[in-house]
Amino acid sequence: MGPDDFPPQRRRPRHAQGILENHEAEFDQTIAVNLKSCFNYIQAVAPIMLAAGGGRIVSMSSLNAFTGGVTSAVSKFAYAAAKAGSSA
């Protein structure tokens, strides 16, 4: 399979908040940490991998992409959406 040249991309959600306590900035942060970070990571490592002759990128998602989110996530709906996006 070859060496692991890059660390895995993983983040942990913080304490849960309901929809009425959640703010747009927290929603945006959840999307940025769990979805946009995948894009940024892949965009950063792809040129290096191509220059080395190729490779594989594995993005880890979560069952929450299909079940609606975990109760421990700051914004379970944003977390589920982000994980669904990284599964696509």
N, C-alpha and C. Protein backbone atom coordinates (compact mmCIF):
# COMPACT_ATOMS: atom_id res chain seq x y z
N MET A 1 0.81 -1.20 0.00
CA MET A 1 0.00 0.00 0.00
C MET A 1 0.84 1.25 0.00
N GLY A 2 2.02 1.23 0.51
CA GLY A 2 2.85 2.42 0.53
C GLY A 2 2.78 3.14 1.86
N PRO A 3 3.64 4.13 2.02
CA PRO A 3 3.72 4.84 3.30
C PRO A 3 2.56 5.83 3.48
N ASP A 4 2.31 6.14 4.74
CA ASP A 4 1.36 7.21 5.07
C ASP A 4 2.15 8.51 5.11
N ASP A 5 1.95 9.35 4.13
CA ASP A 5 2.68 10.60 4.07
C ASP A 5 1.96 11.75 4.75
N PHE A 6 0.66 11.59 4.98
CA PHE A 6 -0.13 12.66 5.55
C PHE A 6 -0.99 12.11 6.67
N PRO A 7 -1.18 12.87 7.74
CA PRO A 7 -2.01 12.39 8.85
C PRO A 7 -3.49 12.37 8.47
N PRO A 8 -4.28 11.53 9.14
CA PRO A 8 -5.72 11.52 8.85
C PRO A 8 -6.37 12.82 9.30
N GLN A 9 -7.48 13.14 8.69
CA GLN A 9 -8.22 14.37 9.01
C GLN A 9 -9.40 13.99 9.89
N ARG A 10 -9.36 14.39 11.16
CA ARG A 10 -10.45 14.07 12.08
C ARG A 10 -10.64 15.20 13.08
N ARG A 11 -11.86 15.43 13.43
CA ARG A 11 -12.21 16.46 14.41
C ARG A 11 -13.25 15.90 15.35
N ARG A 12 -13.36 16.50 16.54
CA ARG A 12 -14.37 16.07 17.51
C ARG A 12 -15.36 17.21 17.73
N PRO A 13 -16.64 16.86 17.81
CA PRO A 13 -17.63 17.89 18.14
C PRO A 13 -17.55 18.30 19.60
N ARG A 14 -18.03 19.48 19.92
CA ARG A 14 -18.07 19.96 21.30
C ARG A 14 -19.43 19.65 21.92
N HIS A 15 -19.74 20.30 23.03
CA HIS A 15 -21.01 20.03 23.73
C HIS A 15 -22.21 20.43 22.88
N ALA A 16 -23.32 19.75 23.12
CA ALA A 16 -24.51 19.93 22.29
C ALA A 16 -25.27 21.20 22.62
N GLN A 17 -25.88 21.77 21.61
CA GLN A 17 -26.78 22.91 21.75
C GLN A 17 -27.99 22.67 20.86
N GLY A 18 -29.14 23.12 21.32
CA GLY A 18 -30.35 23.01 20.53
C GLY A 18 -30.39 24.06 19.44
N ILE A 19 -31.34 23.94 18.56
CA ILE A 19 -31.46 24.85 17.42
C ILE A 19 -31.67 26.30 17.87
N LEU A 20 -32.36 26.50 18.97
CA LEU A 20 -32.61 27.87 19.44
C LEU A 20 -31.40 28.50 20.11
N GLU A 21 -30.50 27.67 20.63
CA GLU A 21 -29.29 28.19 21.26
C GLU A 21 -28.13 28.30 20.27
N ASN A 22 -28.26 27.68 19.13
CA ASN A 22 -27.19 27.66 18.15
C ASN A 22 -27.20 28.93 17.33
N HIS A 23 -26.03 29.45 17.02
CA HIS A 23 -25.91 30.67 16.23
C HIS A 23 -25.30 30.34 14.87
N GLU A 24 -25.50 31.22 13.93
CA GLU A 24 -25.00 30.98 12.58
C GLU A 24 -23.48 30.78 12.57
N ALA A 25 -22.78 31.52 13.41
CA ALA A 25 -21.32 31.38 13.47
C ALA A 25 -20.93 29.97 13.90
N GLU A 26 -21.68 29.37 14.82
CA GLU A 26 -21.40 28.00 15.25
C GLU A 26 -21.72 27.01 14.14
N PHE A 27 -22.79 27.25 13.42
CA PHE A 27 -23.13 26.43 12.25
C PHE A 27 -22.00 26.49 11.24
N ASP A 28 -21.54 27.71 10.93
CA ASP A 28 -20.46 27.90 9.96
C ASP A 28 -19.19 27.21 10.42
N GLN A 29 -18.90 27.29 11.71
CA GLN A 29 -17.69 26.65 12.24
C GLN A 29 -17.78 25.13 12.11
N THR A 30 -18.95 24.57 12.38
CA THR A 30 -19.14 23.12 12.27
C THR A 30 -18.93 22.68 10.83
N ILE A 31 -19.47 23.42 9.88
CA ILE A 31 -19.28 23.11 8.46
C ILE A 31 -17.81 23.27 8.08
N ALA A 32 -17.17 24.33 8.55
CA ALA A 32 -15.77 24.57 8.22
C ALA A 32 -14.85 23.48 8.76
N VAL A 33 -15.08 23.07 10.00
CA VAL A 33 -14.22 22.07 10.63
C VAL A 33 -14.44 20.69 10.01
N ASN A 34 -15.68 20.34 9.71
CA ASN A 34 -16.00 18.98 9.30
C ASN A 34 -16.15 18.78 7.79
N LEU A 35 -16.29 19.82 7.02
CA LEU A 35 -16.44 19.67 5.57
C LEU A 35 -15.40 20.47 4.79
N LYS A 36 -15.32 21.75 5.05
CA LYS A 36 -14.38 22.59 4.30
C LYS A 36 -12.94 22.17 4.54
N SER A 37 -12.66 21.67 5.73
CA SER A 37 -11.30 21.21 6.04
C SER A 37 -10.90 20.05 5.12
N CYS A 38 -11.86 19.20 4.75
CA CYS A 38 -11.57 18.10 3.82
C CYS A 38 -11.13 18.66 2.47
N PHE A 39 -11.86 19.65 1.98
CA PHE A 39 -11.50 20.29 0.71
C PHE A 39 -10.10 20.91 0.80
N ASN A 40 -9.86 21.67 1.86
CA ASN A 40 -8.56 22.34 2.01
C ASN A 40 -7.41 21.32 2.10
N TYR A 41 -7.63 20.25 2.83
CA TYR A 41 -6.62 19.20 2.99
C TYR A 41 -6.31 18.55 1.64
N ILE A 42 -7.36 18.16 0.92
CA ILE A 42 -7.16 17.49 -0.37
C ILE A 42 -6.49 18.44 -1.36
N GLN A 43 -6.90 19.69 -1.38
CA GLN A 43 -6.31 20.66 -2.29
C GLN A 43 -4.83 20.87 -1.98
N ALA A 44 -4.47 20.81 -0.70
CA ALA A 44 -3.08 21.02 -0.30
C ALA A 44 -2.18 19.83 -0.64
N VAL A 45 -2.68 18.61 -0.45
CA VAL A 45 -1.83 17.43 -0.64
C VAL A 45 -1.84 16.89 -2.07
N ALA A 46 -2.86 17.19 -2.86
CA ALA A 46 -2.95 16.65 -4.21
C ALA A 46 -1.74 16.97 -5.08
N PRO A 47 -1.24 18.20 -5.11
CA PRO A 47 -0.07 18.48 -5.94
C PRO A 47 1.16 17.69 -5.51
N ILE A 48 1.33 17.50 -4.22
CA ILE A 48 2.47 16.74 -3.70
C ILE A 48 2.36 15.28 -4.12
N MET A 49 1.15 14.75 -4.01
CA MET A 49 0.94 13.36 -4.38
C MET A 49 1.13 13.16 -5.89
N LEU A 50 0.63 14.08 -6.68
CA LEU A 50 0.78 13.97 -8.14
C LEU A 50 2.25 14.04 -8.53
N ALA A 51 3.00 14.93 -7.87
CA ALA A 51 4.43 15.04 -8.16
C ALA A 51 5.18 13.76 -7.77
N ALA A 52 4.66 13.04 -6.78
CA ALA A 52 5.28 11.78 -6.34
C ALA A 52 4.80 10.59 -7.16
N GLY A 53 3.95 10.84 -8.15
CA GLY A 53 3.50 9.76 -9.01
C GLY A 53 2.12 9.20 -8.68
N GLY A 54 1.41 9.84 -7.76
CA GLY A 54 0.06 9.40 -7.43
C GLY A 54 -0.09 9.05 -5.97
N GLY A 55 -1.22 8.47 -5.66
CA GLY A 55 -1.50 8.09 -4.28
C GLY A 55 -3.00 8.00 -4.07
N ARG A 56 -3.38 7.85 -2.83
CA ARG A 56 -4.78 7.73 -2.46
C ARG A 56 -5.10 8.70 -1.33
N ILE A 57 -6.26 9.28 -1.38
CA ILE A 57 -6.75 10.14 -0.31
C ILE A 57 -8.00 9.47 0.26
N VAL A 58 -8.02 9.25 1.54
CA VAL A 58 -9.16 8.65 2.21
C VAL A 58 -9.75 9.68 3.16
N SER A 59 -10.97 10.11 2.90
CA SER A 59 -11.66 11.04 3.79
C SER A 59 -12.64 10.25 4.64
N MET A 60 -12.54 10.40 5.93
CA MET A 60 -13.40 9.66 6.85
C MET A 60 -14.67 10.46 7.12
N SER A 61 -15.78 9.79 7.07
CA SER A 61 -17.05 10.42 7.36
C SER A 61 -17.59 9.83 8.65
N SER A 62 -18.90 9.70 8.73
CA SER A 62 -19.53 9.22 9.95
C SER A 62 -20.90 8.66 9.60
N LEU A 63 -21.36 7.73 10.41
CA LEU A 63 -22.74 7.25 10.25
C LEU A 63 -23.75 8.37 10.44
N ASN A 64 -23.34 9.44 11.12
CA ASN A 64 -24.22 10.57 11.34
C ASN A 64 -24.63 11.25 10.04
N ALA A 65 -23.88 11.01 8.98
CA ALA A 65 -24.28 11.53 7.67
C ALA A 65 -25.61 10.94 7.23
N PHE A 66 -25.93 9.76 7.75
CA PHE A 66 -27.13 9.05 7.33
C PHE A 66 -28.20 8.97 8.43
N THR A 67 -27.83 9.34 9.66
CA THR A 67 -28.76 9.20 10.78
C THR A 67 -29.23 10.52 11.36
N GLY A 68 -28.68 11.65 10.89
CA GLY A 68 -29.16 12.94 11.37
C GLY A 68 -28.32 13.59 12.45
N GLY A 69 -27.17 13.08 12.74
CA GLY A 69 -26.27 13.74 13.68
C GLY A 69 -26.32 13.16 15.07
N VAL A 70 -25.28 13.45 15.83
CA VAL A 70 -25.17 12.96 17.20
C VAL A 70 -25.64 14.03 18.17
N THR A 71 -26.11 13.63 19.30
CA THR A 71 -26.58 14.61 20.28
C THR A 71 -25.43 15.37 20.92
N SER A 72 -24.20 14.85 20.82
CA SER A 72 -23.06 15.55 21.42
C SER A 72 -22.49 16.64 20.52
N ALA A 73 -22.92 16.72 19.27
CA ALA A 73 -22.41 17.74 18.37
C ALA A 73 -23.00 19.10 18.70
N VAL A 74 -22.19 20.15 18.56
CA VAL A 74 -22.67 21.50 18.82
C VAL A 74 -23.92 21.77 18.02
N SER A 75 -23.88 21.44 16.77
CA SER A 75 -25.01 21.62 15.87
C SER A 75 -25.20 20.31 15.14
N LYS A 76 -26.08 19.44 15.67
CA LYS A 76 -26.18 18.11 15.07
C LYS A 76 -26.64 18.14 13.63
N PHE A 77 -27.47 19.11 13.27
CA PHE A 77 -27.90 19.20 11.88
C PHE A 77 -26.75 19.65 10.98
N ALA A 78 -25.92 20.58 11.44
CA ALA A 78 -24.77 21.02 10.65
C ALA A 78 -23.73 19.90 10.57
N TYR A 79 -23.54 19.17 11.66
CA TYR A 79 -22.59 18.07 11.68
C TYR A 79 -23.03 16.99 10.70
N ALA A 80 -24.31 16.64 10.71
CA ALA A 80 -24.82 15.63 9.78
C ALA A 80 -24.66 16.10 8.34
N ALA A 81 -24.95 17.35 8.06
CA ALA A 81 -24.80 17.89 6.71
C ALA A 81 -23.34 17.86 6.26
N ALA A 82 -22.44 18.24 7.16
CA ALA A 82 -21.02 18.23 6.83
C ALA A 82 -20.52 16.82 6.55
N LYS A 83 -20.94 15.87 7.37
CA LYS A 83 -20.51 14.49 7.18
C LYS A 83 -21.12 13.91 5.89
N ALA A 84 -22.34 14.28 5.57
CA ALA A 84 -22.94 13.84 4.32
C ALA A 84 -22.16 14.42 3.13
N GLY A 85 -21.75 15.65 3.26
CA GLY A 85 -20.95 16.28 2.20
C GLY A 85 -19.62 15.60 2.01
N SER A 86 -18.98 15.17 3.10
CA SER A 86 -17.69 14.51 2.96
C SER A 86 -17.85 13.06 2.49
N SER A 87 -19.06 12.54 2.55
CA SER A 87 -19.33 11.19 2.04
C SER A 87 -19.60 11.20 0.54
N ALA A 88 -19.94 12.37 0.02
CA ALA A 88 -20.33 12.47 -1.39
C ALA A 88 -19.15 12.29 -2.32
